Amino acid sequence: LENEAVDVMTLLILRCTQTVREATWDCSLCIHYSLCSFPSRCKAPVMPKLQGLEFWRTTLREARYVVAPMVDQSELAWRLLSRRHGAQLCYTPMLHAQVFVRDANYRRDNFYSEVCAEDRPLITQFCANDPEVFLKAALLVQEHCDAIDLNLGCPQMIAKRGHYGVFLQDEWDLLEKMVKLAHEKLSVPITCKIRVFQDVERTVGYAQMLEKAGCQLLTVHGRTKDQRGPLTGIADWEHIKAVRKAVNIPVFANGNIQHLSDVERCIEETGVHGVMSAEGNLHNPALFEGSSPPVWEMAEEYLEVVKEHPPSTQSFVRAHLFKLWHHTLQIHQDLREELGKVKSIEGMAEVSRQLRLRCQEEIAREKEGVAVRPQGDLPFPHWRCQPYIRPPPKELDPNGKSECSEVRITSQKRALEDSDGTPDVLSKNKQKKQARNPYKNWDPESRPKYLMCDQCGHPKGKKCVFDMCRACCKKKAYKDVADCPGQWRETHRTPVHTGRGHTRALYWIHRWDMMNNGQ
């Protein structure tokens, strides 16, 4: 509109009758009454923001079965599949607030490309450690979701390095500012997902602080920040029960959910309003229906949804197929390798089809009375959707050593981030690189030492007269109309010439010739 300054963030919809100056504002289509740029024209009343139990009953439609926010796993296609099989509320994957604000491609690939009318109610989750950045990110998505969730439960090492997730749970002043600012400025409610402390009283005080700051719904994962990976263990529902009794906002429980019976038992024992499932949902998207269908049915249905709503990367689809076929792939190792190699959705679908045929052949032999592979500790045949139970960590002998060296390697895999010293074992990525290049020197102490550039800190050229690296030397030579005498291969690998000196010489030679010719 040429004659009107319309605020893009409000996304107001105009219905023009005659001219732009005589535009009629249809406030029934206005997404943000509180952010309206034209309050003098707006005749509609300001709609109050629903809070607490009213928000849960009205907006979330009393949702009890909830799909958890899972990085690279709870994308649109998976959310739609889960909704078809009993899920009543879904979360987006965790989004990094700072990256979301500054990177338009990140916003498009991870959120805007997945906006769908069928995918409601929906809560968008962010990780953040700055109140202003968190608010800016939330303002960009609030018209496309029903609430904004602050991730305070991620226990991974990347969260520790980025200073977000569960590693903010001791900074109550910062969290109070973040939740309070979002509660005051957003047009949708603010929710939080937390982990518990060892002490029940401290967990209760933590939840009450968030409620007082403006949190309208609280999801409590009944594990501490140290319970992750091989040390995941069992979630403590007593902490969740104590929080439920201490706050006046809806509470969702998370942890120990593998079957529909676990959902009902958790609600009965803790009194929560809903139950969230993550790993249980990944291995059986029909968990909330109380069924364990054949894996190929879920895989084929998921691939059909992917055709309609393709994710931003194929790795999401591959990861879901690995989860669904987990138990079967332990038997058919050749197809496991094939699934990891294929480069297209069609290739993944073909591997899934081959797995289905092998399972159906096994079922036919079983009906004929032919002996088949034992199921082990699985409650159902491997070709049915069922949860994956994490094996407990190996017990240590009196000397503090485990029976298997794999436990020690697993515990030290991230020693670089957990300790200040240098670990004896390389990280997993460096081990892969070492396998590809076994002759490379991976010991930092024995690597040759280089003199650093005075400008940027990169290794400088051995014969550079300016004591600089190639890039800095080139800039200085161009600026000062000079050449580095030691510019050849042994110094900067390629010559460092500006060309300005040569051009100037040609210019004066040309002028001299013209003067001699009388021109």
Protein backbone atom coordinates (compact mmCIF):
# COMPACT_ATOMS: atom_id res chain seq x y z
CA LEU A 1 0.00 0.00 0.00
CA GLU A 2 1.53 3.28 -1.10
CA ASN A 3 -0.38 5.66 1.18
CA GLU A 4 -0.50 3.64 4.38
CA ALA A 5 2.34 2.59 6.70
CA VAL A 6 1.25 -0.94 7.58
CA ASP A 7 3.16 -2.73 10.33
CA VAL A 8 4.19 -6.09 8.84
CA MET A 9 4.46 -7.78 12.22
CA THR A 10 0.74 -7.32 12.93
CA LEU A 11 -0.34 -8.95 9.64
CA LEU A 12 -3.58 -6.96 9.56
CA ILE A 13 -5.91 -7.87 6.72
CA LEU A 14 -7.53 -5.10 4.67
CA ARG A 15 -10.73 -5.31 2.69
CA CYS A 16 -10.74 -2.27 0.43
CA THR A 17 -14.15 -0.92 -0.62
CA GLN A 18 -13.31 2.12 -2.78
CA THR A 19 -9.84 3.51 -2.16
CA VAL A 20 -7.00 2.81 0.24
CA ARG A 21 -7.94 5.90 2.22
CA GLU A 22 -11.47 4.53 2.70
CA ALA A 23 -10.29 1.01 3.60
CA THR A 24 -12.50 -1.04 5.89
CA TRP A 25 -10.72 -2.92 8.65
CA ASP A 26 -12.09 -6.40 9.21
CA CYS A 27 -11.09 -6.92 12.84
CA SER A 28 -12.59 -10.40 12.92
CA LEU A 29 -9.59 -11.42 10.81
CA CYS A 30 -7.06 -9.49 12.86
CA ILE A 31 -4.52 -11.82 14.43
CA HIS A 32 -3.09 -9.45 17.05
CA TYR A 33 -5.50 -7.01 18.65
CA SER A 34 -2.85 -5.97 21.18
CA LEU A 35 -0.33 -5.08 18.43
CA CYS A 36 -2.78 -3.17 16.20
CA SER A 37 -1.06 -0.26 14.44
CA PHE A 38 -4.34 1.57 13.90
CA PRO A 39 -6.21 1.56 17.26
CA SER A 40 -8.23 4.61 16.26
CA ARG A 41 -9.77 2.75 13.31
CA CYS A 42 -10.16 -0.58 15.07
CA LYS A 43 -13.71 -0.92 16.47
CA ALA A 44 -13.38 -4.47 17.78
CA PRO A 45 -12.92 -5.07 21.51
CA VAL A 46 -9.55 -6.31 22.73
CA MET A 47 -9.78 -10.04 23.36
CA PRO A 48 -8.23 -11.07 26.68
CA LYS A 49 -5.51 -13.71 26.62
CA LEU A 50 -6.66 -17.01 28.10
CA GLN A 51 -4.69 -18.21 31.09
CA GLY A 52 -4.17 -21.34 33.15
CA LEU A 53 -6.95 -23.90 33.20
CA GLU A 54 -9.15 -21.81 30.90
CA PHE A 55 -6.36 -21.87 28.29
CA TRP A 56 -6.05 -25.66 28.64
CA ARG A 57 -9.82 -26.23 28.40
CA THR A 58 -10.56 -23.82 25.54
CA THR A 59 -7.48 -23.47 23.35
CA LEU A 60 -5.86 -26.84 23.95
CA ARG A 61 -9.27 -28.61 24.07
CA GLU A 62 -8.40 -30.40 27.34
CA ALA A 63 -5.55 -32.26 25.68
CA ARG A 64 -4.34 -35.29 27.62
CA TYR A 65 -2.19 -37.06 25.02
CA VAL A 66 0.80 -34.92 24.05
CA VAL A 67 3.67 -35.44 21.61
CA ALA A 68 6.88 -34.02 23.04
CA PRO A 69 9.17 -31.49 21.32
CA MET A 70 11.98 -33.53 19.75
CA VAL A 71 14.88 -32.01 17.82
CA ASP A 72 14.79 -33.18 14.17
CA GLN A 73 12.00 -35.63 15.03
CA SER A 74 8.69 -33.88 15.75
CA GLU A 75 8.42 -32.25 12.31
CA LEU A 76 5.08 -31.61 10.60
CA ALA A 77 4.75 -35.00 8.88
CA TRP A 78 5.34 -36.87 12.15
CA ARG A 79 2.97 -34.60 14.06
CA LEU A 80 0.19 -35.23 11.54
CA LEU A 81 0.79 -38.98 11.73
CA SER A 82 0.64 -38.86 15.54
CA ARG A 83 -2.59 -36.85 15.46
CA ARG A 84 -4.18 -39.50 13.24
CA HIS A 85 -3.44 -42.05 15.95
CA GLY A 86 -4.65 -40.37 19.11
CA ALA A 87 -2.33 -37.44 19.86
CA GLN A 88 -4.33 -34.36 20.92
CA LEU A 89 -1.53 -31.79 21.23
CA CYS A 90 1.88 -31.52 19.56
CA TYR A 91 5.01 -29.45 20.07
CA THR A 92 7.37 -28.29 17.35
CA PRO A 93 11.01 -29.35 17.52
CA MET A 94 13.11 -27.11 19.73
CA LEU A 95 14.12 -23.97 17.84
CA HIS A 96 17.16 -21.88 18.72
CA ALA A 97 15.81 -18.40 19.41
CA GLN A 98 18.94 -16.47 18.48
CA VAL A 99 19.39 -18.29 15.17
CA PHE A 100 15.67 -17.99 14.47
CA VAL A 101 15.81 -14.21 14.82
CA ARG A 102 18.85 -13.62 12.61
CA ASP A 103 18.53 -16.33 9.93
CA ALA A 104 15.62 -16.16 7.48
CA ASN A 105 16.53 -19.53 5.94
CA TYR A 106 16.41 -21.17 9.36
CA ARG A 107 12.96 -19.69 9.97
CA ARG A 108 11.70 -20.88 6.61
CA ASP A 109 13.10 -24.43 6.80
CA ASN A 110 12.22 -25.13 10.42
CA PHE A 111 8.92 -23.33 10.92
CA TYR A 112 7.24 -21.31 8.16
CA SER A 113 7.39 -24.15 5.63
CA GLU A 114 5.52 -26.36 8.12
CA VAL A 115 2.58 -24.10 8.91
CA CYS A 116 -0.55 -26.22 8.40
CA ALA A 117 -4.18 -25.68 9.38
CA GLU A 118 -4.55 -29.36 10.35
CA ASP A 119 -1.69 -29.08 12.82
CA ARG A 120 -3.56 -27.49 15.71
CA PRO A 121 -3.44 -27.09 18.64
CA LEU A 122 0.30 -26.54 18.43
CA ILE A 123 2.92 -25.19 20.84
CA THR A 124 6.21 -23.80 19.51
CA GLN A 125 9.26 -24.40 21.67
CA PHE A 126 12.37 -22.21 21.84
CA CYS A 127 15.63 -22.46 23.71
CA ALA A 128 17.04 -19.12 24.80
CA ASN A 129 19.04 -17.39 27.51
CA ASP A 130 18.25 -13.76 26.71
CA PRO A 131 14.82 -12.22 27.45
CA GLU A 132 14.84 -9.83 24.48
CA VAL A 133 15.97 -12.44 21.96
CA PHE A 134 13.38 -14.90 23.26
CA LEU A 135 10.65 -12.28 22.88
CA LYS A 136 11.72 -11.36 19.33
CA ALA A 137 11.67 -15.02 18.26
CA ALA A 138 8.28 -15.60 19.86
CA LEU A 139 6.76 -12.55 18.14
CA LEU A 140 7.73 -14.04 14.77
CA VAL A 141 5.68 -17.21 15.32
CA GLN A 142 2.86 -16.34 17.70
CA GLU A 143 0.22 -15.99 14.99
CA HIS A 144 0.90 -19.54 13.77
CA CYS A 145 0.68 -21.42 17.09
CA ASP A 146 -1.36 -21.54 20.28
CA ALA A 147 1.42 -21.00 22.84
CA ILE A 148 5.17 -20.45 23.16
CA ASP A 149 7.20 -22.90 25.24
CA LEU A 150 10.55 -22.16 26.88
CA ASN A 151 12.85 -25.18 26.93
CA LEU A 152 14.31 -25.60 30.40
CA GLY A 153 14.77 -29.36 30.21
CA CYS A 154 17.35 -30.18 27.51
CA PRO A 155 20.27 -32.00 29.25
CA GLN A 156 22.53 -32.51 26.21
CA MET A 157 26.09 -31.18 26.10
CA ILE A 158 25.23 -28.84 23.24
CA ALA A 159 22.81 -27.15 25.65
CA LYS A 160 25.58 -26.85 28.21
CA ARG A 161 27.92 -25.22 25.68
CA GLY A 162 25.13 -22.91 24.48
CA HIS A 163 24.00 -22.17 28.04
CA TYR A 164 20.33 -23.03 27.67
CA GLY A 165 17.90 -25.82 28.56
CA VAL A 166 18.25 -27.48 31.94
CA PHE A 167 21.53 -25.66 32.56
CA LEU A 168 19.54 -22.50 33.32
CA GLN A 169 17.57 -24.07 36.15
CA ASP A 170 19.74 -22.45 38.84
CA GLU A 171 19.41 -18.93 37.38
CA TRP A 172 15.96 -18.10 38.73
CA ASP A 173 16.28 -14.31 38.28
CA LEU A 174 17.04 -14.68 34.58
CA LEU A 175 14.22 -17.18 34.06
CA GLU A 176 11.77 -14.96 35.89
CA LYS A 177 12.65 -12.04 33.58
CA MET A 178 12.31 -14.17 30.44
CA VAL A 179 8.92 -15.62 31.39
CA LYS A 180 7.56 -12.34 32.72
CA LEU A 181 8.55 -10.34 29.63
CA ALA A 182 7.06 -12.94 27.27
CA HIS A 183 3.87 -13.11 29.35
CA GLU A 184 3.43 -9.34 29.17
CA LYS A 185 4.24 -8.82 25.49
CA LEU A 186 2.91 -11.91 23.70
CA SER A 187 -0.66 -12.42 22.55
CA VAL A 188 -0.45 -16.16 23.28
CA PRO A 189 0.33 -17.86 26.61
CA ILE A 190 3.86 -18.77 27.68
CA THR A 191 4.58 -22.32 28.90
CA CYS A 192 7.69 -24.05 30.27
CA LYS A 193 9.17 -27.54 30.20
CA ILE A 194 11.46 -28.34 33.12
CA ARG A 195 13.39 -31.12 34.79
CA VAL A 196 13.35 -31.77 38.52
CA PHE A 197 15.95 -31.20 41.22
CA GLN A 198 17.09 -33.91 43.59
CA ASP A 199 15.20 -32.13 46.37
CA VAL A 200 11.41 -32.15 46.07
CA GLU A 201 11.03 -28.84 47.91
CA ARG A 202 13.42 -27.09 45.54
CA THR A 203 11.52 -28.53 42.58
CA VAL A 204 8.25 -27.20 43.99
CA GLY A 205 9.77 -23.76 44.61
CA TYR A 206 11.10 -23.75 41.05
CA ALA A 207 7.64 -24.47 39.64
CA GLN A 208 5.99 -21.83 41.83
CA MET A 209 8.52 -19.21 40.71
CA LEU A 210 7.70 -19.90 37.04
CA GLU A 211 3.96 -19.77 37.76
CA LYS A 212 4.34 -16.43 39.53
CA ALA A 213 6.36 -15.05 36.59
CA GLY A 214 3.52 -15.80 34.18
CA CYS A 215 3.87 -19.42 33.04
CA GLN A 216 0.42 -20.74 32.08
CA LEU A 217 1.23 -24.44 31.67
CA LEU A 218 4.08 -26.49 33.07
CA THR A 219 5.51 -29.74 31.74
CA VAL A 220 7.57 -31.60 34.34
CA HIS A 221 10.06 -34.25 33.23
CA GLY A 222 10.59 -36.43 36.28
CA ARG A 223 14.36 -36.80 35.76
CA THR A 224 17.28 -34.65 36.86
CA LYS A 225 19.75 -33.03 34.48
CA ASP A 226 22.27 -35.83 35.13
CA GLN A 227 19.82 -38.54 34.05
CA ARG A 228 20.63 -38.80 30.34
CA GLY A 229 22.15 -41.27 27.90
CA PRO A 230 23.12 -44.56 29.56
CA LEU A 231 22.26 -43.05 32.96
CA THR A 232 18.68 -42.13 32.02
CA GLY A 233 17.08 -44.37 34.64
CA ILE A 234 13.49 -44.10 35.84
CA ALA A 235 11.58 -40.83 36.09
CA ASP A 236 10.33 -39.89 39.56
CA TRP A 237 6.58 -39.29 39.50
CA GLU A 238 6.60 -38.14 43.14
CA HIS A 239 8.24 -34.86 42.09
CA ILE A 240 5.55 -34.40 39.44
CA LYS A 241 2.81 -35.14 41.97
CA ALA A 242 4.23 -32.58 44.40
CA VAL A 243 4.38 -29.91 41.70
CA ARG A 244 0.81 -30.66 40.62
CA LYS A 245 -0.44 -30.07 44.17
CA ALA A 246 1.59 -26.88 44.64
CA VAL A 247 0.58 -24.90 41.52
CA ASN A 248 -2.73 -23.69 40.13
CA ILE A 249 -1.89 -24.05 36.43
CA PRO A 250 -2.18 -27.15 34.23
CA VAL A 251 0.66 -29.66 34.57
CA PHE A 252 1.82 -32.23 32.04
CA ALA A 253 3.92 -35.23 33.09
CA ASN A 254 6.84 -36.59 31.08
CA GLY A 255 8.87 -39.75 31.64
CA ASN A 256 8.29 -43.55 31.85
CA ILE A 257 5.58 -43.51 29.14
CA GLN A 258 5.82 -46.61 26.95
CA HIS A 259 2.20 -47.81 26.67
CA LEU A 260 -1.28 -46.34 26.98
CA SER A 261 -1.59 -48.09 30.35
CA ASP A 262 1.38 -45.99 31.56
CA VAL A 263 -0.51 -42.84 30.53
CA GLU A 264 -3.61 -43.76 32.53
CA ARG A 265 -1.55 -44.86 35.53
CA CYS A 266 0.48 -41.63 35.50
CA ILE A 267 -2.67 -39.48 35.44
CA GLU A 268 -4.17 -41.50 38.26
CA GLU A 269 -1.07 -41.40 40.48
CA THR A 270 0.01 -37.80 39.91
CA GLY A 271 -3.26 -36.03 39.09
CA VAL A 272 -1.75 -34.23 36.08
CA HIS A 273 -3.88 -32.82 33.27
CA GLY A 274 -1.98 -34.55 30.47
CA VAL A 275 0.92 -36.85 29.68
CA MET A 276 3.73 -36.21 27.21
CA SER A 277 5.58 -38.95 25.34
CA ALA A 278 8.84 -38.70 23.37
CA GLU A 279 10.70 -41.99 22.80
CA GLY A 280 7.55 -44.06 23.25
CA ASN A 281 5.90 -42.08 20.46
CA LEU A 282 8.92 -42.43 18.16
CA HIS A 283 8.83 -46.23 18.35
CA ASN A 284 5.04 -46.47 18.29
CA PRO A 285 3.10 -43.47 16.93
CA ALA A 286 -0.12 -45.36 17.76
CA LEU A 287 0.79 -45.38 21.47
CA PHE A 288 -2.12 -43.13 22.44
CA GLU A 289 -4.53 -45.49 20.64
CA GLY A 290 -3.40 -48.34 22.84
CA SER A 291 -2.41 -50.51 19.87
CA SER A 292 0.82 -52.00 18.50
CA PRO A 293 0.29 -52.20 14.73
CA PRO A 294 2.75 -53.81 12.31
CA VAL A 295 5.72 -51.55 11.74
CA TRP A 296 5.26 -51.46 7.97
CA GLU A 297 1.77 -49.97 8.35
CA MET A 298 3.12 -47.03 10.32
CA ALA A 299 6.14 -46.67 8.05
CA GLU A 300 4.08 -46.66 4.85
CA GLU A 301 1.55 -44.22 6.29
CA TYR A 302 4.35 -41.92 7.42
CA LEU A 303 5.96 -42.00 3.97
CA GLU A 304 2.60 -41.07 2.43
CA VAL A 305 2.37 -38.04 4.72
CA VAL A 306 5.97 -37.13 3.82
CA LYS A 307 4.97 -36.96 0.15
CA GLU A 308 2.33 -34.35 0.99
CA HIS A 309 4.45 -32.47 3.56
CA PRO A 310 8.14 -33.10 2.80
CA PRO A 311 10.54 -32.08 5.59
CA SER A 312 13.43 -29.72 5.04
CA THR A 313 15.93 -32.60 5.01
CA GLN A 314 15.77 -36.33 4.33
CA SER A 315 17.62 -37.11 7.55
CA PHE A 316 14.34 -36.67 9.46
CA VAL A 317 12.71 -39.46 7.45
CA ARG A 318 15.70 -41.76 7.79
CA ALA A 319 15.81 -41.24 11.56
CA HIS A 320 12.11 -42.11 11.91
CA LEU A 321 12.47 -45.29 9.87
CA PHE A 322 15.42 -46.36 11.99
CA LYS A 323 13.29 -45.85 15.11
CA LEU A 324 10.24 -47.67 13.74
CA TRP A 325 12.24 -50.63 12.39
CA HIS A 326 14.68 -50.68 15.31
CA HIS A 327 14.00 -54.22 16.53
CA THR A 328 13.76 -55.70 13.04
CA LEU A 329 16.99 -54.05 11.93
CA GLN A 330 18.82 -55.83 14.75
CA ILE A 331 18.09 -59.03 12.81
CA HIS A 332 18.41 -57.85 9.21
CA GLN A 333 21.74 -56.06 9.45
CA ASP A 334 22.22 -55.90 5.68
CA LEU A 335 19.11 -53.76 5.27
CA ARG A 336 20.21 -51.63 8.18
CA GLU A 337 23.34 -50.71 6.25
CA GLU A 338 21.30 -50.17 3.09
CA LEU A 339 18.91 -47.80 4.90
CA GLY A 340 21.88 -45.74 6.03
CA LYS A 341 23.27 -45.47 2.49
CA VAL A 342 20.25 -44.59 0.34
CA LYS A 343 20.05 -40.96 -0.77
CA SER A 344 16.36 -40.48 -1.58
CA ILE A 345 12.92 -40.89 -0.06
CA GLU A 346 12.14 -43.49 -2.74
CA GLY A 347 15.22 -45.49 -1.72
CA MET A 348 14.14 -45.43 1.93
CA ALA A 349 10.65 -46.57 0.92
CA GLU A 350 12.18 -49.47 -1.03
CA VAL A 351 14.22 -50.59 2.00
CA SER A 352 11.07 -50.41 4.12
CA ARG A 353 9.25 -52.51 1.53
CA GLN A 354 11.99 -55.17 1.64
CA LEU A 355 11.75 -55.27 5.43
CA ARG A 356 7.99 -55.75 5.16
CA LEU A 357 8.42 -58.67 2.73
CA ARG A 358 10.95 -60.37 5.00
CA CYS A 359 8.68 -59.97 8.02
CA GLN A 360 5.69 -61.34 6.10
CA GLU A 361 7.76 -64.35 4.98
CA GLU A 362 8.71 -64.95 8.60
CA ILE A 363 5.05 -64.76 9.65
CA ALA A 364 4.09 -67.25 6.93
CA ARG A 365 6.78 -69.73 8.06
CA GLU A 366 5.61 -69.35 11.64
CA LYS A 367 2.05 -70.26 10.62
CA GLU A 368 3.40 -73.33 8.85
CA GLY A 369 5.11 -74.43 12.03
CA VAL A 370 8.66 -73.66 10.91
CA ALA A 371 10.92 -72.54 13.73
CA VAL A 372 11.73 -68.81 13.63
CA ARG A 373 14.13 -66.61 15.53
CA PRO A 374 13.35 -66.22 19.25
CA GLN A 375 11.92 -62.84 20.25
CA GLY A 376 14.25 -62.43 23.23
CA ASP A 377 12.91 -60.04 25.89
CA LEU A 378 10.47 -58.29 23.54
CA PRO A 379 6.80 -58.39 24.63
CA PHE A 380 5.67 -58.61 20.97
CA PRO A 381 7.18 -59.95 17.75
CA HIS A 382 9.91 -57.68 16.43
CA TRP A 383 7.75 -56.62 13.49
CA ARG A 384 5.18 -54.91 15.72
CA CYS A 385 5.51 -51.36 17.06
CA GLN A 386 6.75 -51.50 20.62
CA PRO A 387 8.92 -49.43 22.95
CA TYR A 388 12.67 -49.59 23.18
CA ILE A 389 13.94 -50.12 26.71
CA ARG A 390 17.34 -48.58 27.36
CA PRO A 391 19.77 -51.12 28.84
CA PRO A 392 21.01 -50.18 32.32
CA PRO A 393 24.68 -49.16 32.66
CA LYS A 394 27.16 -51.93 33.37
CA GLU A 395 28.02 -52.48 37.02
CA LEU A 396 31.60 -51.77 38.07
CA ASP A 397 33.84 -54.20 39.89
CA PRO A 398 35.42 -53.28 43.27
CA ASN A 399 38.40 -51.74 41.44
CA GLY A 400 36.12 -49.31 39.62
CA LYS A 401 36.53 -50.97 36.23
CA SER A 402 33.63 -52.17 34.10
CA GLU A 403 33.39 -55.56 32.48
CA CYS A 404 33.23 -53.94 29.07
CA SER A 405 35.40 -51.11 27.81
CA GLU A 406 32.45 -49.69 25.86
CA VAL A 407 30.97 -48.22 29.03
CA ARG A 408 34.17 -46.36 29.75
CA ILE A 409 34.32 -45.02 26.19
CA THR A 410 30.68 -43.92 26.36
CA SER A 411 31.20 -42.08 29.63
CA GLN A 412 34.30 -40.32 28.27
CA LYS A 413 32.90 -39.54 24.82
CA ARG A 414 32.16 -35.98 25.85
CA ALA A 415 34.92 -35.63 28.40
CA LEU A 416 36.23 -32.62 26.52
CA GLU A 417 33.10 -30.65 27.41
CA ASP A 418 32.74 -32.03 30.93
CA SER A 419 36.27 -31.48 32.21
CA ASP A 420 38.96 -28.87 31.95
CA GLY A 421 41.71 -31.38 31.14
CA THR A 422 42.43 -33.19 27.91
CA PRO A 423 40.70 -36.61 27.69
CA ASP A 424 42.68 -39.73 26.88
CA VAL A 425 40.01 -40.87 24.44
CA LEU A 426 39.25 -38.94 21.26
CA SER A 427 35.70 -37.81 20.60
CA LYS A 428 33.53 -39.89 18.31
CA ASN A 429 33.97 -37.53 15.35
CA LYS A 430 37.75 -37.47 15.72
CA GLN A 431 37.82 -41.26 15.93
CA LYS A 432 36.02 -41.41 12.57
CA LYS A 433 38.46 -38.91 11.06
CA GLN A 434 41.39 -40.87 12.43
CA ALA A 435 40.05 -44.05 10.83
CA ARG A 436 39.87 -42.27 7.45
CA ASN A 437 43.35 -40.76 7.84
CA PRO A 438 45.39 -43.01 10.16
CA TYR A 439 48.73 -41.32 9.31
CA LYS A 440 47.69 -37.87 10.50
CA ASN A 441 49.16 -36.67 13.76
CA TRP A 442 46.29 -36.21 16.25
CA ASP A 443 48.47 -35.33 19.27
CA PRO A 444 48.32 -31.54 19.76
CA GLU A 445 51.52 -31.57 21.81
CA SER A 446 53.65 -33.04 19.01
CA ARG A 447 52.32 -30.82 16.25
CA PRO A 448 54.75 -28.21 14.83
CA LYS A 449 54.46 -24.71 16.24
CA TYR A 450 54.00 -21.78 13.90
CA LEU A 451 54.53 -18.07 14.42
CA MET A 452 51.25 -16.20 14.32
CA CYS A 453 50.21 -13.27 12.14
CA ASP A 454 50.37 -9.93 13.93
CA GLN A 455 46.92 -8.97 12.64
CA CYS A 456 44.61 -11.97 12.83
CA GLY A 457 46.42 -14.74 14.72
CA HIS A 458 46.66 -17.18 11.81
CA PRO A 459 50.03 -18.77 10.94
CA LYS A 460 52.19 -16.23 9.09
CA GLY A 461 54.36 -16.80 6.03
CA LYS A 462 57.89 -17.92 6.84
CA LYS A 463 59.54 -15.24 4.67
CA CYS A 464 56.88 -12.55 4.74
CA VAL A 465 58.54 -9.21 5.49
CA PHE A 466 55.35 -7.92 7.10
CA ASP A 467 55.06 -10.88 9.54
CA MET A 468 51.57 -11.59 8.27
CA CYS A 469 49.51 -14.40 6.83
CA ARG A 470 48.59 -14.51 3.17
CA ALA A 471 45.28 -12.63 3.49
CA CYS A 472 46.64 -9.83 5.71
CA CYS A 473 49.79 -9.48 3.57
CA LYS A 474 47.70 -9.10 0.44
CA LYS A 475 45.58 -6.36 2.03
CA LYS A 476 48.63 -4.47 3.26
CA ALA A 477 50.40 -4.77 -0.11
CA TYR A 478 47.36 -3.39 -1.91
CA LYS A 479 46.87 -0.56 0.57
CA ASP A 480 50.53 0.54 0.63
CA VAL A 481 51.10 -0.05 -3.12
CA ALA A 482 53.90 -2.48 -2.27
CA ASP A 483 54.85 -6.07 -2.97
CA CYS A 484 56.07 -8.67 -0.49
CA PRO A 485 59.62 -9.66 -1.59
CA GLY A 486 59.12 -13.13 -0.19
CA GLN A 487 55.90 -13.65 -2.03
CA TRP A 488 56.68 -16.89 -3.81
CA ARG A 489 55.48 -20.42 -3.17
CA GLU A 490 57.65 -21.06 -0.09
CA THR A 491 56.05 -18.08 1.66
CA HIS A 492 52.34 -17.72 0.85
CA ARG A 493 51.95 -20.64 -1.60
CA THR A 494 50.91 -18.11 -4.29
CA PRO A 495 52.44 -14.77 -5.27
CA VAL A 496 51.18 -11.69 -3.48
CA HIS A 497 51.17 -8.90 -6.10
CA THR A 498 48.74 -6.04 -6.17
CA GLY A 499 49.31 -5.18 -9.83
CA ARG A 500 49.09 -1.48 -8.99
CA GLY A 501 52.81 -0.91 -9.33
CA HIS A 502 52.92 -2.60 -12.73
CA THR A 503 49.92 -0.61 -13.97
CA ARG A 504 51.45 2.65 -12.80
CA ALA A 505 54.71 1.87 -14.62
CA LEU A 506 52.85 1.16 -17.87
CA TYR A 507 50.97 4.45 -17.47
CA TRP A 508 54.14 6.55 -17.22
CA ILE A 509 55.79 4.66 -20.09
CA HIS A 510 52.77 5.49 -22.22
CA ARG A 511 52.92 9.17 -21.19
CA TRP A 512 56.63 9.33 -22.00
CA ASP A 513 56.07 7.89 -25.48
CA MET A 514 53.33 10.44 -26.16
CA MET A 515 55.60 13.33 -25.08
CA ASN A 516 58.42 12.12 -27.31
CA ASN A 517 56.05 11.91 -30.27
CA GLY A 518 54.84 15.45 -29.66
CA GLN A 519 51.32 14.43 -28.75
